[in-house]
Amino acid sequence: MKKVLLRIHGRVQGVGYRMWAMDAAKRRGLKGWVRNCRDGTVEALLAGAEANVADMLAACRLGPPVAEVTEIEVQATDMEVGDGFEARATV
């Protein structure tokens, strides 16, 4: 299982990015979470098969139609994940 922590920059809040990410991750069979950050970014933990994580990362570069992603920071992680994929509270 591959696990990565993403920090997504750009116009990614107020555009439905979290709900889009939840749906996209569930369709790919991924586990983890997504949340807004007070600095205007979105953070996501993705866990699953390497090909599915790579596909989700490519999708995150586009996001929902009204989002404008300018940068995604990706780092490997060993953070614990739950059984599904959820939206978390803003941090």
Protein backbone atom coordinates (compact mmCIF):
# COMPACT_ATOMS: atom_id res chain seq x y z
CA MET A 1 0.00 0.00 0.00
CA LYS A 2 1.33 3.41 -0.98
CA LYS A 3 0.59 6.39 1.27
CA VAL A 4 1.16 10.03 0.40
CA LEU A 5 0.29 13.33 2.02
CA LEU A 6 -0.66 16.11 -0.42
CA ARG A 7 -0.76 19.89 0.07
CA ILE A 8 -2.74 21.40 -2.81
CA HIS A 9 -2.27 25.09 -3.60
CA GLY A 10 -4.29 27.49 -5.74
CA ARG A 11 -7.99 28.30 -5.84
CA VAL A 12 -9.02 25.11 -4.08
CA GLN A 13 -11.34 26.31 -1.31
CA GLY A 14 -14.92 27.37 -1.91
CA VAL A 15 -15.01 25.43 -5.18
CA GLY A 16 -16.15 21.99 -3.97
CA TYR A 17 -12.65 20.52 -3.97
CA ARG A 18 -13.13 18.41 -0.82
CA MET A 19 -16.37 16.81 -1.98
CA TRP A 20 -14.89 16.23 -5.43
CA ALA A 21 -11.80 14.62 -3.85
CA MET A 22 -13.92 12.34 -1.65
CA ASP A 23 -15.86 11.07 -4.65
CA ALA A 24 -12.73 10.69 -6.81
CA ALA A 25 -10.85 8.82 -4.06
CA LYS A 26 -13.75 6.47 -3.35
CA ARG A 27 -14.08 5.64 -7.05
CA ARG A 28 -10.40 4.62 -7.03
CA GLY A 29 -10.77 2.51 -3.88
CA LEU A 30 -8.49 4.76 -1.83
CA LYS A 31 -8.49 5.27 1.92
CA GLY A 32 -7.61 8.47 3.75
CA TRP A 33 -9.03 11.95 4.18
CA VAL A 34 -9.17 15.47 2.79
CA ARG A 35 -9.44 18.79 4.65
CA ASN A 36 -9.16 22.54 4.17
CA CYS A 37 -6.31 24.37 5.87
CA ARG A 38 -6.56 27.89 7.23
CA ASP A 39 -3.77 29.03 4.89
CA GLY A 40 -6.07 28.44 1.87
CA THR A 41 -4.64 25.09 0.81
CA VAL A 42 -6.24 21.66 0.84
CA GLU A 43 -4.47 18.73 2.48
CA ALA A 44 -5.17 15.08 1.63
CA LEU A 45 -3.91 11.71 2.78
CA LEU A 46 -4.16 9.06 0.06
CA ALA A 47 -3.56 5.36 0.68
CA GLY A 48 -4.01 2.44 -1.69
CA ALA A 49 -2.54 0.62 -4.64
CA GLU A 50 0.33 2.55 -6.22
CA ALA A 51 -1.41 2.87 -9.60
CA ASN A 52 -4.61 4.17 -7.97
CA VAL A 53 -2.71 6.72 -5.88
CA ALA A 54 -0.85 7.89 -9.01
CA ASP A 55 -4.14 8.21 -10.90
CA MET A 56 -5.68 10.23 -8.06
CA LEU A 57 -2.64 12.50 -7.90
CA ALA A 58 -3.01 13.21 -11.63
CA ALA A 59 -6.71 13.96 -11.10
CA CYS A 60 -5.91 16.28 -8.16
CA ARG A 61 -3.78 18.41 -10.48
CA LEU A 62 -7.01 19.29 -12.32
CA GLY A 63 -9.58 19.11 -9.51
CA PRO A 64 -13.22 20.08 -10.01
CA PRO A 65 -14.09 22.35 -12.97
CA VAL A 66 -13.86 25.70 -11.14
CA ALA A 67 -10.67 24.92 -9.19
CA GLU A 68 -7.30 26.31 -10.26
CA VAL A 69 -4.50 24.13 -8.91
CA THR A 70 -1.13 25.88 -9.05
CA GLU A 71 1.03 23.41 -7.12
CA ILE A 72 0.84 20.09 -5.28
CA GLU A 73 3.41 19.16 -2.66
CA VAL A 74 3.70 15.37 -2.28
CA GLN A 75 5.45 13.53 0.51
CA ALA A 76 5.53 9.86 1.46
CA THR A 77 4.05 9.20 4.89
CA ASP A 78 3.41 6.42 7.37
CA MET A 79 0.33 8.11 8.88
CA GLU A 80 -2.49 5.82 9.92
CA VAL A 81 -5.57 5.65 7.69
CA GLY A 82 -9.06 4.50 8.53
CA ASP A 83 -11.30 2.12 6.62
CA GLY A 84 -12.70 4.62 4.14
CA PHE A 85 -12.19 8.11 2.77
CA GLU A 86 -13.60 11.12 4.64
CA ALA A 87 -13.71 14.90 4.76
CA ARG A 88 -12.17 16.29 7.94
CA ALA A 89 -12.56 19.60 9.73
CA THR A 90 -10.43 22.59 8.77
CA VAL A 91 -7.06 22.86 10.52
